[in-house]
């Protein structure tokens, strides 16, 4: 294992934060898998999972079982980890700009299209190499002017040439669920099933450029840009990325983290990065994949105390009661019901809501939304 510390741009005199990455296996000897945790810095289950996964990777490397490269970033957001307000962690948005740490990554397809349009040819593997090289050149020339931008650049430098990218997050309260782009889903179905995902949400482009889609969408979007210019060349999906929501913010236990780390280890063995005598069998699916555009977000029309009638993981029918919002002053109860059939996969942790606030999400099977599909 090699540890590399990446200094971020200093935002103020006497202040410097560092991003740390841990590198296992051998670069260029096979597939590259990049795994990061807690980009939303208050979402800690992924950080503990990375801790348990690191021990497994160290043992596998010592035994000579790794035949590719695995990069692990267990704490992907040192900026957010340092942000607190009134004793509460504030790790989702950067306090200086109010920007979400997992939005606004660059459009890599448009950035590198001019550099590769006339260089790609008939060989698919050569094209993948040239695109990754162009991405690396673009990132090398990017000169961030803020600490936040330097973090985004550092993460992309580590991940841009990965075959697989795993971004470990969690919800407020929820069951384990899984986001990925449609072109990536065939590659990631085994991982979702190893992890025991209870909801799997697919989109072609969910919007606002989170880091996972920045990396995976660059490939299919670049193909579309080239075709629009009349250039048809073989360009595989060079990076498959996913966001994995490891249940809720309070689901930070050694038992769950060890279970998730072992599931990821099983998947690494399944794809051949981690050599094993017996390839792990993929477990049966616990749910079917559904469109992210079919996910219903439930909102409260009025303020009040939230009393949930439905539990995370519960399968609901349209019309089923999900929550009551109690106004003790007006002595009034608002009933919030499911508008679609599906799994109630996430809900808020707080039990007081203001008017219009989000209460939870249901994974419906039929797409009905368009535009920006992700929340703030």
Protein backbone atom coordinates (compact mmCIF):
# COMPACT_ATOMS: atom_id res chain seq x y z
CA UNK A 1 0.00 0.00 0.00
CA UNK A 2 1.10 3.52 -0.78
CA UNK A 3 -0.33 6.56 0.96
CA UNK A 4 -0.30 9.85 -0.93
CA UNK A 5 -1.26 13.17 0.66
CA UNK A 6 -2.61 15.86 -1.66
CA UNK A 7 -2.44 19.42 -0.25
CA UNK A 8 -5.44 21.55 -1.15
CA UNK A 9 -5.27 25.23 -2.01
CA UNK A 10 -4.91 27.24 1.19
CA UNK A 11 -7.93 29.52 1.71
CA UNK A 12 -6.33 31.63 4.43
CA UNK A 13 -3.00 32.41 6.03
CA UNK A 14 -1.81 29.58 8.26
CA UNK A 15 -4.47 27.13 7.05
CA UNK A 16 -3.94 24.03 4.89
CA UNK A 17 -6.07 20.93 4.41
CA UNK A 18 -4.94 17.64 2.88
CA UNK A 19 -6.71 14.88 0.98
CA UNK A 20 -5.24 11.41 1.57
CA UNK A 21 -5.44 8.48 -0.87
CA UNK A 22 -4.36 4.87 -0.37
CA UNK A 23 -3.18 2.86 -3.37
CA UNK A 24 -3.25 -0.93 -3.51
CA UNK A 25 -2.08 -3.37 -6.17
CA UNK A 26 -0.17 -2.35 -9.27
CA UNK A 27 -0.99 0.49 -11.61
CA UNK A 28 -1.54 -0.68 -15.18
CA UNK A 29 -1.63 -4.37 -14.28
CA UNK A 30 -5.39 -4.70 -14.78
CA UNK A 31 -8.57 -2.85 -14.01
CA UNK A 32 -8.50 0.28 -11.88
CA UNK A 33 -11.17 0.71 -9.20
CA UNK A 34 -11.54 4.01 -7.36
CA UNK A 35 -13.54 4.13 -4.11
CA UNK A 36 -14.22 7.26 -2.07
CA UNK A 37 -16.30 7.91 1.04
CA UNK A 38 -18.02 10.81 2.75
CA UNK A 39 -17.86 13.48 0.07
CA UNK A 40 -20.85 14.79 1.99
CA UNK A 41 -18.79 14.96 5.12
CA UNK A 42 -21.56 14.36 7.68
CA UNK A 43 -22.40 11.04 5.96
CA UNK A 44 -20.18 8.71 7.94
CA UNK A 45 -21.20 5.08 7.18
CA UNK A 46 -18.97 5.11 4.09
CA UNK A 47 -15.98 6.30 6.08
CA UNK A 48 -16.33 3.39 8.49
CA UNK A 49 -16.87 0.99 5.59
CA UNK A 50 -13.64 2.29 4.02
CA UNK A 51 -11.84 1.60 7.32
CA UNK A 52 -12.99 -2.04 7.24
CA UNK A 53 -12.29 -2.37 3.51
CA UNK A 54 -8.75 -1.04 3.95
CA UNK A 55 -7.88 -3.88 6.34
CA UNK A 56 -9.13 -6.41 3.79
CA UNK A 57 -7.19 -4.76 0.97
CA UNK A 58 -3.98 -4.66 3.00
CA UNK A 59 -4.28 -8.40 3.71
CA UNK A 60 -5.06 -9.18 0.05
CA UNK A 61 -2.11 -7.14 -1.16
CA UNK A 62 0.24 -8.79 1.34
CA UNK A 63 -0.92 -12.18 0.02
CA UNK A 64 -0.29 -11.12 -3.59
CA UNK A 65 -3.95 -11.42 -4.55
CA UNK A 66 -4.47 -8.04 -6.23
CA UNK A 67 -3.99 -7.94 -9.98
CA UNK A 68 -5.16 -4.46 -10.74
CA UNK A 69 -5.16 -1.11 -8.98
CA UNK A 70 -7.52 -0.05 -6.19
CA UNK A 71 -7.48 3.53 -4.93
CA UNK A 72 -9.25 4.19 -1.63
CA UNK A 73 -10.06 7.69 -0.35
CA UNK A 74 -11.70 7.10 3.04
CA UNK A 75 -12.36 10.78 3.84
CA UNK A 76 -13.04 12.54 0.55
CA UNK A 77 -13.93 15.92 2.03
CA UNK A 78 -11.52 17.40 4.57
CA UNK A 79 -13.12 20.81 4.01
CA UNK A 80 -16.58 19.66 5.05
CA UNK A 81 -15.25 17.66 8.00
CA UNK A 82 -13.94 20.90 9.50
CA UNK A 83 -17.25 22.77 9.12
CA UNK A 84 -19.52 22.99 12.17
CA UNK A 85 -22.20 25.46 13.19
CA UNK A 86 -23.76 25.56 16.64
CA UNK A 87 -22.19 22.16 17.41
CA UNK A 88 -23.71 20.59 14.29
CA UNK A 89 -21.74 19.17 11.34
CA UNK A 90 -22.22 21.06 8.07
CA UNK A 91 -20.65 18.76 5.50
CA UNK A 92 -23.03 18.89 2.53
CA UNK A 93 -22.50 22.48 1.41
CA UNK A 94 -19.30 24.52 1.44
CA UNK A 95 -19.91 27.42 3.81
CA UNK A 96 -18.02 29.99 1.74
CA UNK A 97 -20.02 29.49 -1.48
CA UNK A 98 -23.08 27.47 -0.34
CA UNK A 99 -22.25 25.00 -3.13
CA UNK A 100 -22.98 21.32 -2.70
CA UNK A 101 -19.70 19.41 -2.45
CA UNK A 102 -21.15 16.82 -4.87
CA UNK A 103 -22.38 19.10 -7.64
CA UNK A 104 -20.89 21.34 -10.34
CA UNK A 105 -18.06 19.10 -11.53
CA UNK A 106 -16.75 19.96 -15.01
CA UNK A 107 -18.31 18.76 -18.26
CA UNK A 108 -15.39 16.55 -19.29
CA UNK A 109 -16.90 15.52 -22.62
CA UNK A 110 -17.09 19.09 -23.91
CA UNK A 111 -13.77 19.98 -22.32
CA UNK A 112 -11.79 17.30 -24.16
CA UNK A 113 -13.80 16.91 -27.39
CA UNK A 114 -11.61 19.35 -29.36
CA UNK A 115 -8.48 17.43 -28.32
CA UNK A 116 -9.71 13.98 -29.36
CA UNK A 117 -12.05 14.55 -32.30
CA UNK A 118 -9.32 14.06 -34.89
CA UNK A 119 -7.20 11.52 -32.97
CA UNK A 120 -9.66 8.67 -32.30
CA UNK A 121 -9.61 5.81 -34.77
CA UNK A 122 -10.81 2.27 -35.36
CA UNK A 123 -9.31 0.61 -32.28
CA UNK A 124 -11.55 0.83 -29.21
CA UNK A 125 -8.84 0.23 -26.60
CA UNK A 126 -6.58 2.86 -28.14
CA UNK A 127 -9.49 5.29 -28.09
CA UNK A 128 -10.07 4.66 -24.38
CA UNK A 129 -6.40 5.35 -23.70
CA UNK A 130 -6.45 8.57 -25.73
CA UNK A 131 -9.58 9.85 -23.99
CA UNK A 132 -8.12 9.16 -20.56
CA UNK A 133 -4.93 10.91 -21.59
CA UNK A 134 -6.92 13.93 -22.76
CA UNK A 135 -8.79 14.01 -19.46
CA UNK A 136 -5.52 13.89 -17.57
CA UNK A 137 -4.10 16.71 -19.69
CA UNK A 138 -7.20 18.84 -19.06
CA UNK A 139 -7.00 18.28 -15.30
CA UNK A 140 -3.26 19.02 -15.28
CA UNK A 141 -3.93 22.41 -16.89
CA UNK A 142 -6.83 23.26 -14.56
CA UNK A 143 -5.63 25.89 -12.09
CA UNK A 144 -8.18 26.06 -9.24
CA UNK A 145 -8.60 29.41 -7.56
CA UNK A 146 -10.51 28.22 -4.47
CA UNK A 147 -10.07 25.48 -1.90
CA UNK A 148 -13.31 23.86 -3.07
CA UNK A 149 -12.17 23.76 -6.69
CA UNK A 150 -8.84 22.29 -5.64
CA UNK A 151 -10.69 19.48 -3.85
CA UNK A 152 -12.78 18.76 -6.94
CA UNK A 153 -9.67 18.70 -9.09
CA UNK A 154 -7.76 16.43 -6.68
CA UNK A 155 -10.59 13.89 -6.63
CA UNK A 156 -10.87 13.88 -10.42
CA UNK A 157 -7.12 13.48 -10.88
CA UNK A 158 -7.32 10.34 -8.74
CA UNK A 159 -10.46 8.96 -10.40
CA UNK A 160 -10.56 10.07 -14.05
CA UNK A 161 -8.79 6.99 -15.45
CA UNK A 162 -10.64 4.42 -13.33
CA UNK A 163 -12.64 1.64 -14.95
CA UNK A 164 -14.98 1.69 -11.94
CA UNK A 165 -15.76 4.50 -9.51
CA UNK A 166 -17.70 3.96 -6.25
CA UNK A 167 -18.90 7.01 -4.29
CA UNK A 168 -20.08 6.01 -0.80
CA UNK A 169 -22.80 8.20 0.69
CA UNK A 170 -25.84 7.75 2.95
CA UNK A 171 -29.26 9.33 3.35
CA UNK A 172 -30.83 10.86 6.47
CA UNK A 173 -32.72 7.66 7.28
CA UNK A 174 -33.13 4.91 4.74
CA UNK A 175 -32.39 1.48 3.39
CA UNK A 176 -29.34 0.78 1.27
CA UNK A 177 -29.98 2.17 -2.19
CA UNK A 178 -28.03 2.61 -5.34
CA UNK A 179 -27.79 5.29 -8.06
CA UNK A 180 -26.10 4.78 -11.40
CA UNK A 181 -26.40 5.87 -15.01
CA UNK A 182 -28.22 3.60 -17.44
CA UNK A 183 -25.07 2.74 -19.48
CA UNK A 184 -23.36 1.62 -16.27
CA UNK A 185 -26.13 -0.54 -14.85
CA UNK A 186 -25.24 -3.82 -16.62
CA UNK A 187 -21.74 -3.57 -15.14
CA UNK A 188 -22.96 -2.73 -11.64
CA UNK A 189 -25.89 -5.11 -11.17
CA UNK A 190 -23.67 -7.67 -9.35
CA UNK A 191 -22.39 -4.99 -6.93
CA UNK A 192 -25.92 -3.83 -6.11
CA UNK A 193 -26.91 -7.42 -5.37
CA UNK A 194 -23.79 -8.15 -3.29
CA UNK A 195 -24.66 -5.08 -1.19
CA UNK A 196 -28.30 -6.09 -0.87
CA UNK A 197 -29.69 -2.87 -2.37
CA UNK A 198 -33.37 -2.30 -1.58
CA UNK A 199 -33.82 0.38 -4.25
CA UNK A 200 -31.87 0.88 -7.49
CA UNK A 201 -32.39 4.17 -9.31
CA UNK A 202 -31.28 4.63 -12.91
CA UNK A 203 -30.98 7.79 -15.00
CA UNK A 204 -29.39 8.76 -18.28
CA UNK A 205 -28.42 12.10 -16.77
CA UNK A 206 -29.72 13.22 -13.38
CA UNK A 207 -28.39 16.79 -13.68
CA UNK A 208 -26.14 19.22 -11.79
CA UNK A 209 -23.01 17.12 -12.54
CA UNK A 210 -22.24 15.12 -9.37
CA UNK A 211 -18.76 13.60 -9.41
CA UNK A 212 -19.90 10.09 -10.32
CA UNK A 213 -21.83 11.25 -13.38
CA UNK A 214 -19.05 13.68 -14.31
CA UNK A 215 -16.86 10.62 -14.80
CA UNK A 216 -19.25 8.14 -16.39
CA UNK A 217 -21.33 10.50 -18.52
CA UNK A 218 -18.18 11.88 -20.17
CA UNK A 219 -17.94 8.67 -22.21
CA UNK A 220 -21.43 8.40 -23.66
CA UNK A 221 -21.73 12.18 -24.03
CA UNK A 222 -18.43 12.28 -25.92
CA UNK A 223 -19.74 9.57 -28.26
CA UNK A 224 -22.82 11.69 -28.90
CA UNK A 225 -20.72 14.81 -29.56
CA UNK A 226 -18.53 12.94 -32.02
CA UNK A 227 -21.52 11.45 -33.83
CA UNK A 228 -23.07 14.92 -34.11
CA UNK A 229 -19.90 15.97 -35.95
CA UNK A 230 -20.19 12.99 -38.28
CA UNK A 231 -17.38 11.00 -36.68
CA UNK A 232 -18.32 7.43 -35.76
CA UNK A 233 -15.63 5.60 -33.80
CA UNK A 234 -15.75 2.74 -31.29
CA UNK A 235 -15.73 4.22 -27.79
CA UNK A 236 -16.66 1.87 -24.93
CA UNK A 237 -18.01 3.07 -21.58
CA UNK A 238 -14.52 3.70 -20.23
CA UNK A 239 -15.67 4.52 -16.70
CA UNK A 240 -18.67 3.11 -14.85
CA UNK A 241 -19.57 5.07 -11.73
CA UNK A 242 -22.16 4.75 -8.99
CA UNK A 243 -23.35 6.48 -5.84
CA UNK A 244 -24.12 4.01 -3.06
CA UNK A 245 -26.29 5.22 -0.19
CA UNK A 246 -25.31 3.15 2.84
CA UNK A 247 -28.62 3.48 4.71
CA UNK A 248 -28.95 6.44 7.13
CA UNK A 249 -26.66 8.88 8.91
CA UNK A 250 -26.96 7.05 12.23
CA UNK A 251 -26.25 3.61 10.75
CA UNK A 252 -22.61 3.77 11.82
CA UNK A 253 -21.83 0.37 13.32
CA UNK A 254 -18.96 -2.05 12.90
CA UNK A 255 -21.40 -4.81 11.99
CA UNK A 256 -22.94 -2.91 9.05
CA UNK A 257 -19.60 -1.47 7.91
CA UNK A 258 -17.94 -4.88 7.95
CA UNK A 259 -20.89 -6.34 6.04
CA UNK A 260 -20.65 -3.62 3.36
CA UNK A 261 -16.86 -3.88 3.14
CA UNK A 262 -17.14 -7.62 2.60
CA UNK A 263 -19.77 -7.10 -0.09
CA UNK A 264 -17.45 -4.72 -1.94
CA UNK A 265 -14.57 -7.19 -1.50
CA UNK A 266 -16.76 -9.95 -2.96
CA UNK A 267 -17.51 -7.73 -5.95
CA UNK A 268 -13.80 -6.94 -6.43
CA UNK A 269 -13.21 -10.69 -6.54
CA UNK A 270 -16.12 -11.13 -8.95
CA UNK A 271 -14.68 -8.64 -11.47
CA UNK A 272 -11.20 -10.14 -11.16
CA UNK A 273 -9.24 -7.32 -9.53
CA UNK A 274 -8.89 -9.48 -6.43
CA UNK A 275 -7.76 -13.01 -7.27
CA UNK A 276 -9.63 -15.87 -5.64
CA UNK A 277 -9.88 -19.61 -6.18
CA UNK A 278 -13.68 -19.50 -6.24
CA UNK A 279 -15.50 -16.61 -7.85
CA UNK A 280 -18.23 -15.39 -5.46
CA UNK A 281 -21.78 -16.14 -6.52
CA UNK A 282 -23.97 -13.08 -7.01
CA UNK A 283 -26.86 -13.07 -4.50
CA UNK A 284 -30.45 -12.87 -5.64
CA UNK A 285 -31.74 -9.35 -6.24
CA UNK A 286 -33.82 -7.84 -3.44
CA UNK A 287 -35.47 -5.34 -5.78
CA UNK A 288 -35.70 -4.41 -9.43
CA UNK A 289 -34.09 -1.35 -10.95
CA UNK A 290 -36.45 1.60 -11.43
CA UNK A 291 -36.05 4.99 -13.14
CA UNK A 292 -34.85 7.88 -11.02
CA UNK A 293 -37.45 9.90 -12.91
CA UNK A 294 -40.05 7.63 -11.28
CA UNK A 295 -38.91 8.46 -7.74
CA UNK A 296 -41.57 10.47 -5.90
CA UNK A 297 -40.45 13.08 -3.38
CA UNK A 298 -43.07 13.66 -0.71
CA UNK A 299 -43.40 17.19 0.67
CA UNK A 300 -45.39 18.71 3.52
CA UNK A 301 -47.89 21.41 2.59
CA UNK A 302 -47.96 22.78 6.13
CA UNK A 303 -45.54 23.03 9.06
CA UNK A 304 -45.69 20.82 12.10
CA UNK A 305 -44.47 17.76 13.99
CA UNK A 306 -43.80 14.77 11.73
CA UNK A 307 -45.13 11.36 12.74
CA UNK A 308 -44.18 8.68 10.23
CA UNK A 309 -46.61 5.84 9.54
CA UNK A 310 -44.28 4.10 7.06
CA UNK A 311 -40.84 2.69 7.76
CA UNK A 312 -37.84 2.78 5.37
CA UNK A 313 -37.88 -0.28 3.15
CA UNK A 314 -41.64 -0.66 3.29
CA UNK A 315 -43.40 -1.35 -0.01
CA UNK A 316 -46.28 1.08 -0.46
CA UNK A 317 -49.29 1.42 -2.70
CA UNK A 318 -50.55 4.74 -3.99
CA UNK A 319 -52.80 6.17 -1.31
CA UNK A 320 -51.04 4.51 1.63
CA UNK A 321 -50.38 6.84 4.57
CA UNK A 322 -46.70 7.77 4.84
CA UNK A 323 -46.73 10.47 7.51
CA UNK A 324 -48.87 12.87 9.49
CA UNK A 325 -47.85 16.48 10.02
CA UNK A 326 -49.36 17.74 13.28
CA UNK A 327 -50.08 21.43 13.92
CA UNK A 328 -50.73 21.55 17.69
CA UNK A 329 -51.72 25.24 17.58
CA UNK A 330 -54.45 24.93 14.96
CA UNK A 331 -55.22 21.39 16.18
CA UNK A 332 -54.91 20.19 12.58
CA UNK A 333 -53.39 17.07 10.98
CA UNK A 334 -52.10 16.87 7.42
CA UNK A 335 -52.04 13.36 6.03
CA UNK A 336 -49.24 12.74 3.51
CA UNK A 337 -49.87 9.71 1.32
CA UNK A 338 -47.95 7.84 -1.35
CA UNK A 339 -48.66 8.99 -4.87
CA UNK A 340 -47.01 5.98 -6.52
CA UNK A 341 -46.50 2.30 -5.83
CA UNK A 342 -42.96 1.49 -4.72
CA UNK A 343 -40.37 1.14 -1.98
CA UNK A 344 -40.19 3.91 0.63
CA UNK A 345 -36.39 4.07 0.50
CA UNK A 346 -35.46 7.28 2.35
CA UNK A 347 -36.90 9.79 4.79
CA UNK A 348 -35.80 12.80 6.82
CA UNK A 349 -34.26 12.42 10.27
CA UNK A 350 -35.78 15.51 11.89
CA UNK A 351 -39.32 15.35 13.19
CA UNK A 352 -40.32 18.98 12.62
CA UNK A 353 -40.99 20.21 9.10
CA UNK A 354 -41.59 23.65 7.62
CA UNK A 355 -44.12 24.26 4.85
CA UNK A 356 -42.95 22.71 1.59
CA UNK A 357 -40.22 20.67 3.23
CA UNK A 358 -39.19 17.23 1.98
CA UNK A 359 -40.35 14.22 3.97
CA UNK A 360 -39.20 11.17 2.03
CA UNK A 361 -38.88 9.34 -1.27
CA UNK A 362 -40.60 6.39 -2.95
CA UNK A 363 -39.01 4.43 -5.81
CA UNK A 364 -41.79 4.21 -8.37
CA UNK A 365 -41.59 2.08 -11.50
CA UNK A 366 -42.95 4.62 -14.01
CA UNK A 367 -41.00 7.74 -14.98
CA UNK A 368 -42.99 10.95 -14.55
CA UNK A 369 -40.33 13.61 -13.82
CA UNK A 370 -37.86 15.40 -16.07
CA UNK A 371 -35.13 18.00 -15.76
CA UNK A 372 -32.91 18.12 -12.66
CA UNK A 373 -33.63 14.86 -10.84
CA UNK A 374 -31.39 15.31 -7.79
CA UNK A 375 -32.19 17.39 -4.73
CA UNK A 376 -30.01 20.10 -3.25
